[in-house]
C-alpha atoms as a PDB file:
ATOM      1  CA  MET A   1      80.202  92.862 110.679  1.00  0.00           C
ATOM      2  CA  ASP A   2      83.869  92.422 111.500  1.00  0.00           C
ATOM      3  CA  TYR A   3      86.714  90.449 109.933  1.00  0.00           C
ATOM      4  CA  ALA A   4      86.478  87.607 112.460  1.00  0.00           C
ATOM      5  CA  SER A   5      82.753  87.043 111.863  1.00  0.00           C
ATOM      6  CA  SER A   6      83.377  87.029 108.103  1.00  0.00           C
ATOM      7  CA  GLY A   7      85.763  84.102 108.551  1.00  0.00           C
ATOM      8  CA  VAL A   8      89.208  85.579 109.272  1.00  0.00           C
ATOM      9  CA  ASP A   9      90.152  85.811 112.948  1.00  0.00           C
ATOM     10  CA  ILE A  10      93.454  87.703 113.000  1.00  0.00           C
ATOM     11  CA  ARG A  11      94.037  86.956 116.685  1.00  0.00           C
ATOM     12  CA  LYS A  12      93.734  83.206 116.170  1.00  0.00           C
ATOM     13  CA  GLU A  13      95.851  83.481 113.030  1.00  0.00           C
ATOM     14  CA  GLU A  14      98.602  85.236 114.978  1.00  0.00           C
ATOM     15  CA  GLU A  15      98.476  82.567 117.685  1.00  0.00           C
ATOM     16  CA  ALA A  16      98.825  79.807 115.090  1.00  0.00           C
ATOM     17  CA  VAL A  17     101.689  81.569 113.315  1.00  0.00           C
ATOM     18  CA  SER A  18     103.476  82.029 116.643  1.00  0.00           C
ATOM     19  CA  SER A  19     103.342  78.274 117.173  1.00  0.00           C
ATOM     20  CA  LEU A  20     105.077  77.749 113.842  1.00  0.00           C
ATOM     21  CA  ALA A  21     107.520  80.636 114.294  1.00  0.00           C
ATOM     22  CA  ALA A  22     108.952  79.066 117.442  1.00  0.00           C
ATOM     23  CA  PHE A  23     110.339  76.265 115.285  1.00  0.00           C
ATOM     24  CA  VAL A  24     111.261  78.453 112.305  1.00  0.00           C
ATOM     25  CA  ALA A  25     113.380  80.724 114.509  1.00  0.00           C
ATOM     26  CA  GLN A  26     115.483  77.742 115.573  1.00  0.00           C
ATOM     27  CA  THR A  27     116.668  77.287 111.980  1.00  0.00           C
ATOM     28  CA  HIS A  28     118.501  80.627 112.013  1.00  0.00           C
ATOM     29  CA  ALA A  29     121.376  79.113 113.975  1.00  0.00           C
ATOM     30  CA  LEU A  30     121.971  76.620 111.163  1.00  0.00           C
ATOM     31  CA  ARG A  31     123.488  79.322 108.925  1.00  0.00           C
ATOM     32  CA  GLN A  32     125.345  81.403 111.507  1.00  0.00           C
ATOM     33  CA  GLY A  33     128.910  82.050 110.377  1.00  0.00           C
ATOM     34  CA  LYS A  34     128.047  80.908 106.856  1.00  0.00           C
ATOM     35  CA  VAL A  35     126.892  82.537 103.639  1.00  0.00           C
ATOM     36  CA  GLY A  36     123.163  83.126 103.978  1.00  0.00           C
ATOM     37  CA  ALA A  37     123.071  83.777 107.718  1.00  0.00           C
ATOM     38  CA  PRO A  38     119.743  85.452 108.603  1.00  0.00           C
ATOM     39  CA  LEU A  39     119.844  89.163 109.377  1.00  0.00           C
ATOM     40  CA  GLY A  40     117.278  90.486 111.819  1.00  0.00           C
ATOM     41  CA  SER A  41     114.344  88.644 113.341  1.00  0.00           C
ATOM     42  CA  LEU A  42     111.143  87.157 111.993  1.00  0.00           C
ATOM     43  CA  GLY A  43     108.123  89.348 111.413  1.00  0.00           C
ATOM     44  CA  HIS A  44     109.367  92.027 109.031  1.00  0.00           C
ATOM     45  CA  PHE A  45     107.919  92.408 105.552  1.00  0.00           C
ATOM     46  CA  SER A  46     110.933  90.653 104.004  1.00  0.00           C
ATOM     47  CA  GLY A  47     113.407  88.168 105.383  1.00  0.00           C
ATOM     48  CA  LEU A  48     117.083  89.102 104.964  1.00  0.00           C
ATOM     49  CA  VAL A  49     120.121  86.859 104.593  1.00  0.00           C
ATOM     50  CA  ASP A  50     123.789  87.839 104.643  1.00  0.00           C
ATOM     51  CA  LEU A  51     125.763  87.754 101.384  1.00  0.00           C
ATOM     52  CA  GLY A  52     128.832  89.643 102.563  1.00  0.00           C
ATOM     53  CA  ASP A  53     128.595  93.312 101.604  1.00  0.00           C
ATOM     54  CA  ARG A  54     125.031  92.747 100.447  1.00  0.00           C
ATOM     55  CA  ALA A  55     121.904  91.060 101.686  1.00  0.00           C
ATOM     56  CA  LEU A  56     119.268  89.015  99.916  1.00  0.00           C
ATOM     57  CA  ALA A  57     115.651  89.955 100.650  1.00  0.00           C
ATOM     58  CA  VAL A  58     112.997  87.236 100.362  1.00  0.00           C
ATOM     59  CA  SER A  59     109.199  87.477 100.500  1.00  0.00           C
ATOM     60  CA  THR A  60     106.405  84.946  99.948  1.00  0.00           C
ATOM     61  CA  ASP A  61     102.737  85.874  99.640  1.00  0.00           C
ATOM     62  CA  GLY A  62      99.519  85.157  97.786  1.00  0.00           C
ATOM     63  CA  VAL A  63      96.351  87.021  96.843  1.00  0.00           C
ATOM     64  CA  GLY A  64      93.947  85.329  99.258  1.00  0.00           C
ATOM     65  CA  THR A  65      90.269  85.087  98.423  1.00  0.00           C
ATOM     66  CA  LYS A  66      90.508  87.737  95.719  1.00  0.00           C
ATOM     67  CA  ILE A  67      90.839  84.640  93.552  1.00  0.00           C
ATOM     68  CA  LEU A  68      87.151  83.911  94.208  1.00  0.00           C
ATOM     69  CA  VAL A  69      86.190  87.308  92.792  1.00  0.00           C
ATOM     70  CA  GLY A  70      88.236  86.644  89.657  1.00  0.00           C
ATOM     71  CA  ARG A  71      86.682  83.203  89.343  1.00  0.00           C
ATOM     72  CA  GLU A  72      83.168  84.609  89.746  1.00  0.00           C
ATOM     73  CA  LEU A  73      83.788  87.105  86.922  1.00  0.00           C
ATOM     74  CA  GLN A  74      86.083  84.808  84.898  1.00  0.00           C
ATOM     75  CA  ARG A  75      88.771  87.488  84.963  1.00  0.00           C
ATOM     76  CA  TYR A  76      92.211  86.289  85.954  1.00  0.00           C
ATOM     77  CA  GLU A  77      94.647  88.720  84.355  1.00  0.00           C
ATOM     78  CA  THR A  78      94.523  91.223  87.219  1.00  0.00           C
ATOM     79  CA  LEU A  79      95.300  88.448  89.717  1.00  0.00           C
ATOM     80  CA  GLY A  80      98.705  88.008  88.096  1.00  0.00           C
ATOM     81  CA  VAL A  81      99.459  91.665  88.796  1.00  0.00           C
ATOM     82  CA  ASP A  82      98.228  91.224  92.373  1.00  0.00           C
ATOM     83  CA  LEU A  83     100.510  88.243  92.929  1.00  0.00           C
ATOM     84  CA  MET A  84     103.552  90.168  91.761  1.00  0.00           C
ATOM     85  CA  ALA A  85     102.584  93.286  93.715  1.00  0.00           C
ATOM     86  CA  MET A  86     102.023  91.547  97.034  1.00  0.00           C
ATOM     87  CA  ASN A  87     105.567  90.222  96.962  1.00  0.00           C
ATOM     88  CA  VAL A  88     107.655  92.999  95.414  1.00  0.00           C
ATOM     89  CA  ASN A  89     105.957  95.624  97.592  1.00  0.00           C
ATOM     90  CA  ASP A  90     107.183  93.686 100.625  1.00  0.00           C
ATOM     91  CA  ILE A  91     110.710  93.439  99.213  1.00  0.00           C
ATOM     92  CA  ILE A  92     111.090  97.219  98.922  1.00  0.00           C
ATOM     93  CA  CYS A  93     110.103  97.651 102.597  1.00  0.00           C
ATOM     94  CA  VAL A  94     113.709  96.837 103.567  1.00  0.00           C
ATOM     95  CA  GLY A  95     115.195  99.107 100.898  1.00  0.00           C
ATOM     96  CA  ALA A  96     115.925  96.209  98.544  1.00  0.00           C
ATOM     97  CA  THR A  97     115.582  96.157  94.765  1.00  0.00           C
ATOM     98  CA  PRO A  98     113.402  93.266  93.548  1.00  0.00           C
ATOM     99  CA  ILE A  99     115.258  91.219  90.944  1.00  0.00           C
ATOM    100  CA  THR A 100     113.466  87.914  90.437  1.00  0.00           C
ATOM    101  CA  PHE A 101     110.240  86.035  91.091  1.00  0.00           C
ATOM    102  CA  VAL A 102     108.807  82.506  91.053  1.00  0.00           C
ATOM    103  CA  ASP A 103     105.158  81.455  91.219  1.00  0.00           C
ATOM    104  CA  ALA A 104     103.281  78.464  92.612  1.00  0.00           C
ATOM    105  CA  ILE A 105      99.900  77.810  91.001  1.00  0.00           C
ATOM    106  CA  SER A 106      97.592  75.046  92.239  1.00  0.00           C
ATOM    107  CA  VAL A 107      94.532  74.099  90.187  1.00  0.00           C
ATOM    108  CA  GLN A 108      91.667  71.632  90.291  1.00  0.00           C
ATOM    109  CA  ARG A 109      92.279  70.959  86.632  1.00  0.00           C
ATOM    110  CA  PRO A 110      94.562  72.600  84.037  1.00  0.00           C
ATOM    111  CA  ASP A 111      92.948  75.352  81.965  1.00  0.00           C
ATOM    112  CA  SER A 112      94.923  77.046  79.200  1.00  0.00           C
ATOM    113  CA  TYR A 113      92.660  80.103  79.167  1.00  0.00           C
ATOM    114  CA  VAL A 114      93.148  80.731  82.885  1.00  0.00           C
ATOM    115  CA  MET A 115      96.909  80.209  82.612  1.00  0.00           C
ATOM    116  CA  GLU A 116      97.150  82.617  79.692  1.00  0.00           C
ATOM    117  CA  ARG A 117      95.258  85.320  81.575  1.00  0.00           C
ATOM    118  CA  LEU A 118      97.406  84.802  84.672  1.00  0.00           C
ATOM    119  CA  GLY A 119     100.493  84.981  82.474  1.00  0.00           C
ATOM    120  CA  GLU A 120      99.351  88.315  81.046  1.00  0.00           C
ATOM    121  CA  GLY A 121      99.029  89.725  84.543  1.00  0.00           C
ATOM    122  CA  LEU A 122     102.349  88.339  85.730  1.00  0.00           C
ATOM    123  CA  LEU A 123     104.078  89.855  82.708  1.00  0.00           C
ATOM    124  CA  ARG A 124     102.461  93.233  83.324  1.00  0.00           C
ATOM    125  CA  GLY A 125     103.480  93.095  86.979  1.00  0.00           C
ATOM    126  CA  ALA A 126     107.017  92.011  86.121  1.00  0.00           C
ATOM    127  CA  ARG A 127     107.387  94.962  83.759  1.00  0.00           C
ATOM    128  CA  GLU A 128     106.180  97.380  86.432  1.00  0.00           C
ATOM    129  CA  ALA A 129     108.553  95.899  89.017  1.00  0.00           C
ATOM    130  CA  ASP A 130     111.433  95.298  86.572  1.00  0.00           C
ATOM    131  CA  VAL A 131     111.932  91.680  87.646  1.00  0.00           C
ATOM    132  CA  ALA A 132     112.511  88.415  85.799  1.00  0.00           C
ATOM    133  CA  ILE A 133     110.260  85.417  86.438  1.00  0.00           C
ATOM    134  CA  VAL A 134     112.739  82.537  86.481  1.00  0.00           C
ATOM    135  CA  GLY A 135     110.530  79.566  87.303  1.00  0.00           C
ATOM    136  CA  GLY A 136     107.624  78.238  89.276  1.00  0.00           C
ATOM    137  CA  GLU A 137     105.402  75.277  90.014  1.00  0.00           C
ATOM    138  CA  THR A 138     102.011  74.284  88.654  1.00  0.00           C
ATOM    139  CA  ALA A 139     100.245  71.494  90.533  1.00  0.00           C
ATOM    140  CA  THR A 140      96.947  69.780  89.780  1.00  0.00           C
ATOM    141  CA  VAL A 141      95.388  68.961  93.163  1.00  0.00           C
ATOM    142  CA  PRO A 142      91.645  68.358  92.643  1.00  0.00           C
ATOM    143  CA  GLU A 143      91.037  66.997  96.149  1.00  0.00           C
ATOM    144  CA  LEU A 144      92.513  70.068  97.840  1.00  0.00           C
ATOM    145  CA  LEU A 145      90.554  72.807  96.069  1.00  0.00           C
ATOM    146  CA  SER A 146      86.840  73.603  95.910  1.00  0.00           C
ATOM    147  CA  GLY A 147      84.860  74.637  92.857  1.00  0.00           C
ATOM    148  CA  ASP A 148      83.345  73.140  89.733  1.00  0.00           C
ATOM    149  CA  GLY A 149      86.739  72.227  88.359  1.00  0.00           C
ATOM    150  CA  ASP A 150      87.863  75.856  88.376  1.00  0.00           C
ATOM    151  CA  GLY A 151      89.381  75.958  91.858  1.00  0.00           C
ATOM    152  CA  ILE A 152      92.741  77.690  91.964  1.00  0.00           C
ATOM    153  CA  ASP A 153      95.266  79.029  94.464  1.00  0.00           C
ATOM    154  CA  LEU A 154      98.147  81.417  93.811  1.00  0.00           C
ATOM    155  CA  MET A 155     101.374  81.986  95.714  1.00  0.00           C
ATOM    156  CA  GLY A 156     104.617  83.678  94.763  1.00  0.00           C
ATOM    157  CA  THR A 157     108.092  84.397  96.038  1.00  0.00           C
ATOM    158  CA  ALA A 158     110.146  87.483  95.213  1.00  0.00           C
ATOM    159  CA  ILE A 159     113.850  88.004  95.817  1.00  0.00           C
ATOM    160  CA  GLY A 160     115.657  91.328  96.065  1.00  0.00           C
ATOM    161  CA  ILE A 161     119.143  92.630  96.749  1.00  0.00           C
ATOM    162  CA  VAL A 162     120.376  95.467  98.958  1.00  0.00           C
ATOM    163  CA  ASP A 163     123.716  96.746 100.236  1.00  0.00           C
ATOM    164  CA  LYS A 164     123.831  95.915 103.938  1.00  0.00           C
ATOM    165  CA  ASP A 165     124.541  99.519 104.898  1.00  0.00           C
ATOM    166  CA  LYS A 166     121.389 100.579 103.014  1.00  0.00           C
ATOM    167  CA  ILE A 167     118.924  98.225 104.702  1.00  0.00           C
ATOM    168  CA  ILE A 168     115.816 100.035 106.008  1.00  0.00           C
ATOM    169  CA  SER A 169     114.680  98.158 109.109  1.00  0.00           C
ATOM    170  CA  GLY A 170     112.691 100.807 110.991  1.00  0.00           C
ATOM    171  CA  ASP A 171     115.247 100.949 113.799  1.00  0.00           C
ATOM    172  CA  GLU A 172     116.178 104.527 112.825  1.00  0.00           C
ATOM    173  CA  ILE A 173     112.642 105.888 113.243  1.00  0.00           C
ATOM    174  CA  SER A 174     112.618 108.842 115.648  1.00  0.00           C
ATOM    175  CA  LEU A 175     110.057 111.014 117.383  1.00  0.00           C
ATOM    176  CA  GLY A 176     108.805 113.684 114.976  1.00  0.00           C
ATOM    177  CA  ASP A 177     109.597 111.824 111.757  1.00  0.00           C
ATOM    178  CA  VAL A 178     107.092 112.598 109.001  1.00  0.00           C
ATOM    179  CA  VAL A 179     104.640 109.982 107.713  1.00  0.00           C
ATOM    180  CA  LEU A 180     103.769 110.061 103.998  1.00  0.00           C
ATOM    181  CA  GLY A 181     101.060 107.858 102.513  1.00  0.00           C
ATOM    182  CA  ILE A 182     100.961 106.814  98.854  1.00  0.00           C
ATOM    183  CA  GLU A 183      97.485 106.286  97.435  1.00  0.00           C
ATOM    184  CA  SER A 184      96.240 102.754  96.815  1.00  0.00           C
ATOM    185  CA  SER A 185      94.416 101.704  93.656  1.00  0.00           C
ATOM    186  CA  GLY A 186      91.549 100.235  95.672  1.00  0.00           C
ATOM    187  CA  ILE A 187      91.128  97.301  98.010  1.00  0.00           C
ATOM    188  CA  HIS A 188      94.353  95.663  96.748  1.00  0.00           C
ATOM    189  CA  SER A 189      94.522  92.014  97.951  1.00  0.00           C
ATOM    190  CA  ASN A 190      93.468  92.102 101.606  1.00  0.00           C
ATOM    191  CA  GLY A 191      90.123  92.073 103.371  1.00  0.00           C
ATOM    192  CA  LEU A 192      88.370  90.330 100.488  1.00  0.00           C
ATOM    193  CA  THR A 193      86.764  87.702 102.732  1.00  0.00           C
ATOM    194  CA  LEU A 194      84.783  90.464 104.425  1.00  0.00           C
ATOM    195  CA  ALA A 195      84.271  92.584 101.304  1.00  0.00           C
ATOM    196  CA  ARG A 196      82.837  89.707  99.256  1.00  0.00           C
ATOM    197  CA  LYS A 197      80.169  89.103 101.879  1.00  0.00           C
ATOM    198  CA  VAL A 198      78.824  92.658 101.849  1.00  0.00           C
ATOM    199  CA  ILE A 199      79.428  94.073  98.353  1.00  0.00           C
ATOM    200  CA  PRO A 200      76.669  93.272  95.805  1.00  0.00           C
ATOM    201  CA  LYS A 201      77.912  90.900  93.107  1.00  0.00           C
ATOM    202  CA  GLU A 202      77.119  93.417  90.391  1.00  0.00           C
ATOM    203  CA  SER A 203      79.856  95.571  91.928  1.00  0.00           C
ATOM    204  CA  TYR A 204      82.444  92.779  92.230  1.00  0.00           C
ATOM    205  CA  TYR A 205      84.388  94.242  89.318  1.00  0.00           C
ATOM    206  CA  LEU A 206      85.431  97.094  91.625  1.00  0.00           C
ATOM    207  CA  LEU A 207      87.219  94.575  93.841  1.00  0.00           C
ATOM    208  CA  LEU A 208      89.361  93.357  90.938  1.00  0.00           C
ATOM    209  CA  GLU A 209      91.312  96.585  90.476  1.00  0.00           C
ATOM    210  CA  PRO A 210      94.895  95.259  90.661  1.00  0.00           C
ATOM    211  CA  THR A 211      97.171  95.996  93.591  1.00  0.00           C
ATOM    212  CA  ARG A 212      99.383  98.986  92.874  1.00  0.00           C
ATOM    213  CA  ILE A 213     103.101  98.253  92.510  1.00  0.00           C
ATOM    214  CA  TYR A 214     105.235 100.785  94.396  1.00  0.00           C
ATOM    215  CA  VAL A 215     108.681  99.647  93.258  1.00  0.00           C
ATOM    216  CA  LYS A 216     109.544 102.556  90.962  1.00  0.00           C
ATOM    217  CA  PRO A 217     108.538 105.432  93.281  1.00  0.00           C
ATOM    218  CA  VAL A 218     110.265 103.872  96.291  1.00  0.00           C
ATOM    219  CA  LEU A 219     113.469 103.050  94.411  1.00  0.00           C
ATOM    220  CA  ASP A 220     113.502 106.585  92.999  1.00  0.00           C
ATOM    221  CA  LEU A 221     113.142 107.916  96.545  1.00  0.00           C
ATOM    222  CA  LEU A 222     116.018 105.759  97.795  1.00  0.00           C
ATOM    223  CA  GLU A 223     118.254 107.497  95.254  1.00  0.00           C
ATOM    224  CA  MET A 224     117.402 110.873  96.817  1.00  0.00           C
ATOM    225  CA  CYS A 225     117.219 110.254 100.570  1.00  0.00           C
ATOM    226  CA  ARG A 226     117.200 107.580 103.258  1.00  0.00           C
ATOM    227  CA  PRO A 227     113.734 106.897 104.698  1.00  0.00           C
ATOM    228  CA  THR A 228     113.585 105.682 108.280  1.00  0.00           C
ATOM    229  CA  GLY A 229     110.687 103.334 107.600  1.00  0.00           C
ATOM    230  CA  LEU A 230     108.867 101.735 104.667  1.00  0.00           C
ATOM    231  CA  VAL A 231     105.516 100.000 105.140  1.00  0.00           C
ATOM    232  CA  HIS A 232     103.316  98.006 102.765  1.00  0.00           C
ATOM    233  CA  ILE A 233      99.749  98.487 104.032  1.00  0.00           C
ATOM    234  CA  THR A 234      98.200  95.041 103.634  1.00  0.00           C
ATOM    235  CA  GLY A 235      96.175  92.841 105.992  1.00  0.00           C
ATOM    236  CA  SER A 236      95.645  94.555 109.375  1.00  0.00           C
ATOM    237  CA  GLY A 237      95.555  97.973 107.692  1.00  0.00           C
ATOM    238  CA  LEU A 238      97.203 100.768 109.660  1.00  0.00           C
ATOM    239  CA  LEU A 239      98.371  98.303 112.311  1.00  0.00           C
ATOM    240  CA  ASN A 240     101.190  97.413 109.920  1.00  0.00           C
ATOM    241  CA  LEU A 241     102.880 100.627 111.066  1.00  0.00           C
ATOM    242  CA  LEU A 242     103.406  99.133 114.513  1.00  0.00           C
ATOM    243  CA  ARG A 243     105.525  96.315 113.063  1.00  0.00           C
ATOM    244  CA  LEU A 244     108.497  98.613 112.489  1.00  0.00           C
ATOM    245  CA  LYS A 245     109.818  99.522 115.922  1.00  0.00           C
ATOM    246  CA  LYS A 246     108.669  98.667 119.423  1.00  0.00           C
ATOM    247  CA  GLY A 247     107.241 101.588 121.392  1.00  0.00           C
ATOM    248  CA  VAL A 248     106.759 103.835 118.383  1.00  0.00           C
ATOM    249  CA  GLY A 249     103.352 105.415 117.768  1.00  0.00           C
ATOM    250  CA  PHE A 250     101.767 107.608 115.126  1.00  0.00           C
ATOM    251  CA  SER A 251      99.552 110.682 115.016  1.00  0.00           C
ATOM    252  CA  LEU A 252      97.752 110.695 111.670  1.00  0.00           C
ATOM    253  CA  GLU A 253      95.160 112.689 109.793  1.00  0.00           C
ATOM    254  CA  MET A 254      93.597 110.361 107.248  1.00  0.00           C
ATOM    255  CA  PRO A 255      92.299 111.490 103.845  1.00  0.00           C
ATOM    256  CA  HIS A 256      88.843 110.550 102.583  1.00  0.00           C
ATOM    257  CA  ALA A 257      88.641 106.815 101.945  1.00  0.00           C
ATOM    258  CA  SER A 258      88.084 105.527  98.418  1.00  0.00           C
ATOM    259  CA  PRO A 259      84.433 104.870  97.428  1.00  0.00           C
ATOM    260  CA  ILE A 260      84.946 101.090  97.586  1.00  0.00           C
ATOM    261  CA  PHE A 261      85.715 101.335 101.308  1.00  0.00           C
ATOM    262  CA  GLN A 262      82.744 103.596 101.916  1.00  0.00           C
ATOM    263  CA  ALA A 263      80.557 100.973 100.227  1.00  0.00           C
ATOM    264  CA  ILE A 264      81.999  98.126 102.316  1.00  0.00           C
ATOM    265  CA  GLN A 265      81.455 100.073 105.525  1.00  0.00           C
ATOM    266  CA  HIS A 266      77.897 101.005 104.541  1.00  0.00           C
ATOM    267  CA  PHE A 267      76.685  97.598 103.358  1.00  0.00           C
ATOM    268  CA  GLY A 268      78.490  95.683 106.099  1.00  0.00           C
ATOM    269  CA  GLU A 269      77.800  98.126 108.945  1.00  0.00           C
ATOM    270  CA  VAL A 270      81.491  97.938 109.808  1.00  0.00           C
ATOM    271  CA  SER A 271      82.924 100.202 112.510  1.00  0.00           C
ATOM    272  CA  ASP A 272      85.603 102.788 111.763  1.00  0.00           C
ATOM    273  CA  GLU A 273      88.078 100.913 113.946  1.00  0.00           C
ATOM    274  CA  GLU A 274      87.468  97.629 112.130  1.00  0.00           C
ATOM    275  CA  MET A 275      87.809  99.292 108.727  1.00  0.00           C
ATOM    276  CA  TYR A 276      91.175 100.867 109.529  1.00  0.00           C
ATOM    277  CA  LYS A 277      92.624  97.683 111.023  1.00  0.00           C
ATOM    278  CA  THR A 278      91.404  95.500 108.140  1.00  0.00           C
ATOM    279  CA  PHE A 279      91.712  97.519 104.912  1.00  0.00           C
ATOM    280  CA  ASN A 280      94.255  99.935 103.442  1.00  0.00           C
ATOM    281  CA  MET A 281      91.535 102.640 103.351  1.00  0.00           C
ATOM    282  CA  GLY A 282      93.096 104.360 100.345  1.00  0.00           C
ATOM    283  CA  ILE A 283      96.734 104.298 101.496  1.00  0.00           C
ATOM    284  CA  GLY A 284      98.679 101.402  99.996  1.00  0.00           C
ATOM    285  CA  PHE A 285     102.207 102.249 101.087  1.00  0.00           C
ATOM    286  CA  VAL A 286     103.698 104.432 103.811  1.00  0.00           C
ATOM    287  CA  VAL A 287     107.077 106.160 103.756  1.00  0.00           C
ATOM    288  CA  ILE A 288     108.557 107.599 106.959  1.00  0.00           C
ATOM    289  CA  VAL A 289     111.266 110.242 106.594  1.00  0.00           C
ATOM    290  CA  ARG A 290     113.220 112.780 108.616  1.00  0.00           C
ATOM    291  CA  PRO A 291     111.500 116.191 108.776  1.00  0.00           C
ATOM    292  CA  GLU A 292     114.247 117.743 106.637  1.00  0.00           C
ATOM    293  CA  ASP A 293     113.561 115.199 103.863  1.00  0.00           C
ATOM    294  CA  ALA A 294     109.773 115.455 103.941  1.00  0.00           C
ATOM    295  CA  GLU A 295     109.263 118.059 101.204  1.00  0.00           C
ATOM    296  CA  THR A 296     111.672 116.392  98.783  1.00  0.00           C
ATOM    297  CA  ALA A 297     110.178 112.956  99.424  1.00  0.00           C
ATOM    298  CA  HIS A 298     106.608 114.188  99.082  1.00  0.00           C
ATOM    299  CA  ARG A 299     107.346 115.971  95.823  1.00  0.00           C
ATOM    300  CA  LEU A 300     109.134 112.970  94.314  1.00  0.00           C
ATOM    301  CA  LEU A 301     106.525 110.386  95.337  1.00  0.00           C
ATOM    302  CA  ASN A 302     103.709 112.631  94.153  1.00  0.00           C
ATOM    303  CA  LYS A 303     105.156 112.504  90.641  1.00  0.00           C
ATOM    304  CA  HIS A 304     104.322 108.798  90.560  1.00  0.00           C
ATOM    305  CA  TYR A 305     101.080 108.539  92.559  1.00  0.00           C
ATOM    306  CA  PRO A 306      99.060 110.921  94.748  1.00  0.00           C
ATOM    307  CA  THR A 307     100.844 111.118  98.099  1.00  0.00           C
ATOM    308  CA  PHE A 308      99.508 112.542 101.365  1.00  0.00           C
ATOM    309  CA  LYS A 309     101.249 114.029 104.381  1.00  0.00           C
ATOM    310  CA  LEU A 310      99.568 111.883 107.017  1.00  0.00           C
ATOM    311  CA  GLY A 311     101.254 112.985 110.227  1.00  0.00           C
ATOM    312  CA  THR A 312     104.185 112.272 112.501  1.00  0.00           C
ATOM    313  CA  VAL A 313     105.838 109.629 114.645  1.00  0.00           C
ATOM    314  CA  THR A 314     105.037 109.701 118.382  1.00  0.00           C
ATOM    315  CA  ASP A 315     106.148 107.713 121.419  1.00  0.00           C
ATOM    316  CA  THR A 316     102.678 106.475 122.414  1.00  0.00           C
ATOM    317  CA  GLY A 317     103.036 102.950 121.069  1.00  0.00           C
ATOM    318  CA  SER A 318      99.634 103.286 119.376  1.00  0.00           C
ATOM    319  CA  ILE A 319      98.035 104.927 116.356  1.00  0.00           C
ATOM    320  CA  GLU A 320      95.844 108.002 116.782  1.00  0.00           C
ATOM    321  CA  ALA A 321      94.012 108.566 113.514  1.00  0.00           C
ATOM    322  CA  ALA A 322      91.823 111.609 112.889  1.00  0.00           C
ATOM    323  CA  LEU A 323      89.181 110.657 110.324  1.00  0.00           C
ATOM    324  CA  PRO A 324      87.459 112.907 107.751  1.00  0.00           C
ATOM    325  CA  SER A 325      84.218 112.455 109.728  1.00  0.00           C
ATOM    326  CA  GLY A 326      85.742 114.339 112.650  1.00  0.00           C
ATOM    327  CA  ARG A 327      86.164 111.213 114.774  1.00  0.00           C
ATOM    328  CA  THR A 328      89.548 110.198 116.172  1.00  0.00           C
ATOM    329  CA  ILE A 329      90.209 106.506 116.657  1.00  0.00           C
ATOM    330  CA  THR A 330      92.978 104.719 118.536  1.00  0.00           C
ATOM    331  CA  LEU A 331      94.436 101.482 117.203  1.00  0.00           C
END
C-alpha cells in the first residue's frame, strides 16, 4: 500500500495548492512598504511579516485524520496537545519564539465532555510551548461533518516573534553542515490515513501518542549557537529537508525506526521509500548546524530528548538515506 492508494495523493495535493498559491502570492504586494510586509516566499514552515527590527511568524495547521482515532477510542485530550504541537513546531523552524495561539473547532453537535478533554490537551501543550491561548472559534456545522453526531475537525494558528537578524531561513546551509535528528514520540500527526487502514484497531491506542513539542530544546539551542536549518518532520517525511534550500542534498544514516512504523510497514506491505516519504520514522525534528557547533548542539539537544547524528549536507539535490537493514534509498 502507498499513501495515494490509502486516500492521500500528495502530488495532486501539491497541484491543487499551487493553484491557490498563485493568487495568495499576489497579496504580498498589498503590504509592501507598510507594517506587516511579508518576508520571504510562500512554502516555508512559517510565514514571516515585517515589524521593523522584528518579524512575526505565523503558522496554521490541524491534526488531520488522527481525530478519527481519538473518536474511535473516545480519547480527545491528546489531540489538544497534537494541535498545539503541529503549529508551534513550525514556528520554531524560522528561529521564532511562539507566544500565542488560537484554535478553530468544528463539531457536528456541541459536547461538553469532548471540549473538556480537548481543553486539557491544549493546556498541556500550551504549558510545554509556553504560549497563551488568546481566543478561538467553535462552530456547529452538522451538514459538513460525518459521524453519529460526534464528527469534529480541529485547526489552530500559532504566532511567534523573532529578531529579523536571527531568522533561520535555510539560506545559510552549506556543504558539510551536520544534520542532527531529535527523536519523535511516535507517528505524531501525519500519515494517519494510511496507518489507520493497516494497523489493527486493538492497537489504535499506539497512534494516539501525542506529537512531541520541540520548543524548549530548540530555543535553548538558539541561545548557544546559530543553526543553519530547522525542520519539522511532518507529512512527506524526510522530503521536508528539501524545502530549505534549492539544490541542497543530504547523506543520512537513519536509526532503527520506532516499533509503530515497523508495524505499519509490515501490515501494509509498504516500501521503504514510501515509509520515509510519508512518516517521520522516529525523527520528529531536524537541526542543521555548522561542523564546529555539532558537538555542542548534540549534547544540548540530547539533554531534552534522544538526538542522533544523522549525517551531512551534500550538493546532490536529493536525500541518500542508509537504512538499518543495509539498504540505501534515494528520495
